[in-house]
Amino acid sequence: MPAQPHADAPATAPAVSEDDIAAFVVERFLPGVDPAELDAEYDLLATAVIDSLGVLRIAAWLADRHGVAVPDEALTTRGFRSVRAIRITAERAAAGEGRA
């Protein structure tokens, strides 16, 4: 029997949770840190957790894992500065919006 979509889920694209993003960031860039300890507003760029290549890796992960293609014009430091910013960027990309 095929899985039924969750009633609260948007029909166009799956939601990307901050917990899922934090888990990926910790796995890739902060091994040994508990994802629950990563504040959603922690500045990943200013603290050199990620750099421009990290932004591209996160964008590729969003596309591969969640089917969210972030447009080139949204690949900005502002849109990938924190877990929360990444979630907002992903939501906007899923909704077909451009720059974050």
N, C-alpha and C. Protein backbone atom coordinates (compact mmCIF):
# COMPACT_ATOMS: atom_id res chain seq x y z
N MET A 1 0.85 -1.18 0.00
CA MET A 1 0.00 0.00 0.00
C MET A 1 0.89 1.24 0.00
N PRO A 2 0.70 2.17 -0.93
CA PRO A 2 1.56 3.36 -0.98
C PRO A 2 1.33 4.26 0.23
N ALA A 3 2.39 4.92 0.63
CA ALA A 3 2.30 5.84 1.76
C ALA A 3 1.43 7.03 1.40
N GLN A 4 0.60 7.42 2.32
CA GLN A 4 -0.26 8.58 2.13
C GLN A 4 0.47 9.83 2.59
N PRO A 5 0.34 10.94 1.88
CA PRO A 5 1.00 12.17 2.32
C PRO A 5 0.40 12.63 3.64
N HIS A 6 1.23 13.19 4.49
CA HIS A 6 0.78 13.73 5.76
C HIS A 6 -0.17 14.88 5.50
N ALA A 7 -1.23 14.98 6.26
CA ALA A 7 -2.25 16.00 6.03
C ALA A 7 -1.71 17.41 6.14
N ASP A 8 -0.72 17.64 7.00
CA ASP A 8 -0.17 18.98 7.19
C ASP A 8 0.96 19.31 6.22
N ALA A 9 1.40 18.33 5.45
CA ALA A 9 2.53 18.55 4.55
C ALA A 9 2.09 19.32 3.31
N PRO A 10 2.93 20.25 2.85
CA PRO A 10 2.59 20.95 1.61
C PRO A 10 2.59 19.99 0.43
N ALA A 11 1.72 20.22 -0.50
CA ALA A 11 1.59 19.33 -1.65
C ALA A 11 2.76 19.47 -2.63
N THR A 12 3.41 20.63 -2.66
CA THR A 12 4.44 20.87 -3.66
C THR A 12 5.80 20.31 -3.31
N ALA A 13 6.22 20.43 -2.06
CA ALA A 13 7.55 19.96 -1.69
C ALA A 13 7.58 19.61 -0.21
N PRO A 14 8.40 18.64 0.15
CA PRO A 14 8.49 18.28 1.56
C PRO A 14 9.15 19.38 2.37
N ALA A 15 8.72 19.52 3.62
CA ALA A 15 9.32 20.50 4.51
C ALA A 15 10.70 20.02 4.94
N VAL A 16 11.58 20.96 5.12
CA VAL A 16 12.91 20.65 5.61
C VAL A 16 12.98 21.21 7.03
N SER A 17 13.12 20.35 8.01
CA SER A 17 13.11 20.81 9.39
C SER A 17 14.48 21.32 9.81
N GLU A 18 14.48 22.20 10.79
CA GLU A 18 15.73 22.69 11.35
C GLU A 18 16.51 21.55 12.00
N ASP A 19 15.80 20.59 12.58
CA ASP A 19 16.48 19.44 13.19
C ASP A 19 17.23 18.63 12.13
N ASP A 20 16.61 18.43 10.99
CA ASP A 20 17.24 17.68 9.90
C ASP A 20 18.46 18.43 9.36
N ILE A 21 18.33 19.74 9.22
CA ILE A 21 19.45 20.56 8.75
C ILE A 21 20.58 20.52 9.77
N ALA A 22 20.25 20.69 11.04
CA ALA A 22 21.27 20.66 12.09
C ALA A 22 21.99 19.32 12.11
N ALA A 23 21.24 18.23 11.94
CA ALA A 23 21.86 16.90 11.93
C ALA A 23 22.84 16.79 10.78
N PHE A 24 22.48 17.30 9.60
CA PHE A 24 23.39 17.24 8.46
C PHE A 24 24.63 18.10 8.70
N VAL A 25 24.42 19.32 9.19
CA VAL A 25 25.55 20.22 9.43
C VAL A 25 26.52 19.61 10.43
N VAL A 26 25.99 19.03 11.49
CA VAL A 26 26.85 18.42 12.50
C VAL A 26 27.58 17.22 11.92
N GLU A 27 26.85 16.37 11.19
CA GLU A 27 27.48 15.18 10.60
C GLU A 27 28.62 15.56 9.66
N ARG A 28 28.40 16.58 8.83
CA ARG A 28 29.38 16.97 7.81
C ARG A 28 30.48 17.88 8.31
N PHE A 29 30.10 18.83 9.19
CA PHE A 29 31.02 19.91 9.51
C PHE A 29 31.41 20.02 10.99
N LEU A 30 30.67 19.37 11.88
CA LEU A 30 30.94 19.47 13.32
C LEU A 30 30.88 18.10 13.98
N PRO A 31 31.65 17.13 13.50
CA PRO A 31 31.57 15.80 14.09
C PRO A 31 31.83 15.84 15.60
N GLY A 32 31.07 15.04 16.32
CA GLY A 32 31.23 14.97 17.76
C GLY A 32 30.32 15.91 18.53
N VAL A 33 29.66 16.82 17.83
CA VAL A 33 28.73 17.75 18.47
C VAL A 33 27.33 17.13 18.42
N ASP A 34 26.58 17.31 19.48
CA ASP A 34 25.19 16.84 19.51
C ASP A 34 24.35 17.82 18.69
N PRO A 35 23.63 17.34 17.68
CA PRO A 35 22.81 18.26 16.86
C PRO A 35 21.84 19.10 17.68
N ALA A 36 21.37 18.57 18.81
CA ALA A 36 20.44 19.32 19.65
C ALA A 36 21.12 20.54 20.29
N GLU A 37 22.45 20.54 20.35
CA GLU A 37 23.18 21.65 20.94
C GLU A 37 23.48 22.77 19.93
N LEU A 38 23.22 22.54 18.67
CA LEU A 38 23.47 23.55 17.65
C LEU A 38 22.29 24.51 17.58
N ASP A 39 22.50 25.71 18.07
CA ASP A 39 21.45 26.73 18.07
C ASP A 39 21.08 27.07 16.63
N ALA A 40 19.80 27.23 16.37
CA ALA A 40 19.32 27.50 15.01
C ALA A 40 19.83 28.83 14.46
N GLU A 41 20.26 29.74 15.33
CA GLU A 41 20.77 31.05 14.91
C GLU A 41 22.29 31.14 14.95
N TYR A 42 22.97 30.05 15.31
CA TYR A 42 24.44 30.05 15.37
C TYR A 42 25.01 30.39 14.00
N ASP A 43 25.91 31.36 13.95
CA ASP A 43 26.46 31.84 12.68
C ASP A 43 27.52 30.87 12.17
N LEU A 44 27.12 30.04 11.23
CA LEU A 44 27.99 29.00 10.68
C LEU A 44 29.13 29.58 9.83
N LEU A 45 28.90 30.71 9.23
CA LEU A 45 29.91 31.32 8.36
C LEU A 45 30.93 32.13 9.17
N ALA A 46 30.47 32.97 10.08
CA ALA A 46 31.38 33.81 10.86
C ALA A 46 32.29 32.96 11.74
N THR A 47 31.83 31.78 12.13
CA THR A 47 32.63 30.91 12.98
C THR A 47 33.42 29.88 12.16
N ALA A 48 33.37 30.00 10.85
CA ALA A 48 34.11 29.15 9.92
C ALA A 48 33.73 27.67 10.01
N VAL A 49 32.50 27.41 10.43
CA VAL A 49 32.01 26.03 10.39
C VAL A 49 31.83 25.62 8.93
N ILE A 50 31.28 26.53 8.13
CA ILE A 50 31.16 26.29 6.69
C ILE A 50 31.76 27.47 5.95
N ASP A 51 32.11 27.22 4.69
CA ASP A 51 32.62 28.25 3.80
C ASP A 51 31.80 28.16 2.51
N SER A 52 32.26 28.76 1.45
CA SER A 52 31.49 28.75 0.20
C SER A 52 31.30 27.33 -0.33
N LEU A 53 32.28 26.48 -0.15
CA LEU A 53 32.13 25.09 -0.57
C LEU A 53 31.09 24.38 0.30
N GLY A 54 31.06 24.72 1.57
CA GLY A 54 30.05 24.17 2.47
C GLY A 54 28.64 24.57 2.04
N VAL A 55 28.50 25.83 1.60
CA VAL A 55 27.20 26.29 1.10
C VAL A 55 26.76 25.40 -0.07
N LEU A 56 27.68 25.13 -0.98
CA LEU A 56 27.35 24.28 -2.13
C LEU A 56 27.01 22.86 -1.71
N ARG A 57 27.71 22.34 -0.72
CA ARG A 57 27.41 20.99 -0.22
C ARG A 57 26.03 20.92 0.41
N ILE A 58 25.69 21.94 1.16
CA ILE A 58 24.36 21.98 1.78
C ILE A 58 23.29 22.10 0.70
N ALA A 59 23.53 22.93 -0.29
CA ALA A 59 22.56 23.07 -1.40
C ALA A 59 22.39 21.75 -2.14
N ALA A 60 23.48 21.03 -2.36
CA ALA A 60 23.40 19.73 -3.03
C ALA A 60 22.63 18.73 -2.16
N TRP A 61 22.85 18.76 -0.86
CA TRP A 61 22.12 17.90 0.06
C TRP A 61 20.63 18.20 0.04
N LEU A 62 20.28 19.49 0.02
CA LEU A 62 18.87 19.88 -0.05
C LEU A 62 18.22 19.32 -1.31
N ALA A 63 18.95 19.36 -2.42
CA ALA A 63 18.42 18.84 -3.68
C ALA A 63 18.31 17.32 -3.65
N ASP A 64 19.36 16.65 -3.19
CA ASP A 64 19.38 15.18 -3.18
C ASP A 64 18.41 14.59 -2.17
N ARG A 65 18.43 15.12 -0.97
CA ARG A 65 17.64 14.54 0.13
C ARG A 65 16.19 15.00 0.14
N HIS A 66 15.97 16.27 -0.21
CA HIS A 66 14.64 16.86 -0.06
C HIS A 66 14.01 17.30 -1.38
N GLY A 67 14.74 17.17 -2.48
CA GLY A 67 14.19 17.58 -3.76
C GLY A 67 14.01 19.07 -3.89
N VAL A 68 14.78 19.83 -3.12
CA VAL A 68 14.69 21.30 -3.14
C VAL A 68 15.90 21.84 -3.88
N ALA A 69 15.66 22.37 -5.07
CA ALA A 69 16.74 22.95 -5.87
C ALA A 69 16.83 24.44 -5.55
N VAL A 70 17.90 24.82 -4.88
CA VAL A 70 18.11 26.22 -4.54
C VAL A 70 18.68 26.92 -5.78
N PRO A 71 17.99 27.96 -6.27
CA PRO A 71 18.50 28.65 -7.46
C PRO A 71 19.81 29.36 -7.18
N ASP A 72 20.61 29.52 -8.20
CA ASP A 72 21.93 30.15 -8.05
C ASP A 72 21.86 31.49 -7.33
N GLU A 73 20.86 32.29 -7.65
CA GLU A 73 20.77 33.62 -7.04
C GLU A 73 20.46 33.56 -5.54
N ALA A 74 20.04 32.40 -5.05
CA ALA A 74 19.77 32.24 -3.61
C ALA A 74 20.96 31.64 -2.86
N LEU A 75 22.02 31.33 -3.57
CA LEU A 75 23.22 30.77 -2.93
C LEU A 75 24.05 31.92 -2.36
N THR A 76 23.52 32.55 -1.34
CA THR A 76 24.16 33.70 -0.72
C THR A 76 24.59 33.37 0.70
N THR A 77 25.53 34.14 1.22
CA THR A 77 25.93 33.93 2.61
C THR A 77 24.76 34.19 3.55
N ARG A 78 23.93 35.13 3.22
CA ARG A 78 22.76 35.43 4.05
C ARG A 78 21.83 34.22 4.15
N GLY A 79 21.67 33.52 3.06
CA GLY A 79 20.75 32.39 3.02
C GLY A 79 21.29 31.12 3.65
N PHE A 80 22.57 31.09 3.98
CA PHE A 80 23.18 29.89 4.55
C PHE A 80 23.96 30.20 5.83
N ARG A 81 23.69 31.33 6.43
CA ARG A 81 24.43 31.79 7.62
C ARG A 81 24.15 30.92 8.85
N SER A 82 22.93 30.40 8.96
CA SER A 82 22.55 29.62 10.14
C SER A 82 21.60 28.50 9.72
N VAL A 83 21.34 27.61 10.64
CA VAL A 83 20.37 26.53 10.38
C VAL A 83 19.01 27.14 10.02
N ARG A 84 18.60 28.15 10.75
CA ARG A 84 17.31 28.80 10.47
C ARG A 84 17.31 29.45 9.09
N ALA A 85 18.39 30.12 8.73
CA ALA A 85 18.49 30.75 7.41
C ALA A 85 18.43 29.71 6.30
N ILE A 86 19.06 28.57 6.52
CA ILE A 86 19.02 27.48 5.53
C ILE A 86 17.60 26.97 5.37
N ARG A 87 16.89 26.80 6.49
CA ARG A 87 15.50 26.35 6.40
C ARG A 87 14.65 27.34 5.61
N ILE A 88 14.81 28.62 5.89
CA ILE A 88 14.03 29.65 5.19
C ILE A 88 14.39 29.66 3.70
N THR A 89 15.67 29.55 3.40
CA THR A 89 16.11 29.50 2.00
C THR A 89 15.50 28.29 1.29
N ALA A 90 15.50 27.14 1.96
CA ALA A 90 14.92 25.92 1.38
C ALA A 90 13.42 26.08 1.16
N GLU A 91 12.74 26.68 2.12
CA GLU A 91 11.29 26.89 1.98
C GLU A 91 10.99 27.80 0.80
N ARG A 92 11.76 28.85 0.66
CA ARG A 92 11.55 29.80 -0.45
C ARG A 92 11.84 29.13 -1.79
N ALA A 93 12.90 28.33 -1.82
CA ALA A 93 13.24 27.63 -3.06
C ALA A 93 12.15 26.63 -3.42
N ALA A 94 11.63 25.93 -2.44
CA ALA A 94 10.56 24.95 -2.68
C ALA A 94 9.29 25.64 -3.17
N ALA A 95 9.09 26.88 -2.71
CA ALA A 95 7.91 27.63 -3.13
C ALA A 95 8.12 28.34 -4.47
N GLY A 96 9.32 28.21 -5.03
CA GLY A 96 9.61 28.81 -6.33
C GLY A 96 10.06 30.26 -6.23
N GLU A 97 10.40 30.71 -5.03
CA GLU A 97 10.88 32.07 -4.86
C GLU A 97 12.37 32.13 -5.13
N GLY A 98 12.87 33.30 -5.43
CA GLY A 98 14.29 33.45 -5.74
C GLY A 98 15.13 33.75 -4.53
N ARG A 99 15.82 34.87 -4.57
CA ARG A 99 16.81 35.25 -3.56
C ARG A 99 16.23 35.20 -2.15
N ALA A 100 17.06 34.65 -1.25
CA ALA A 100 16.66 34.54 0.16
C ALA A 100 16.88 35.85 0.90
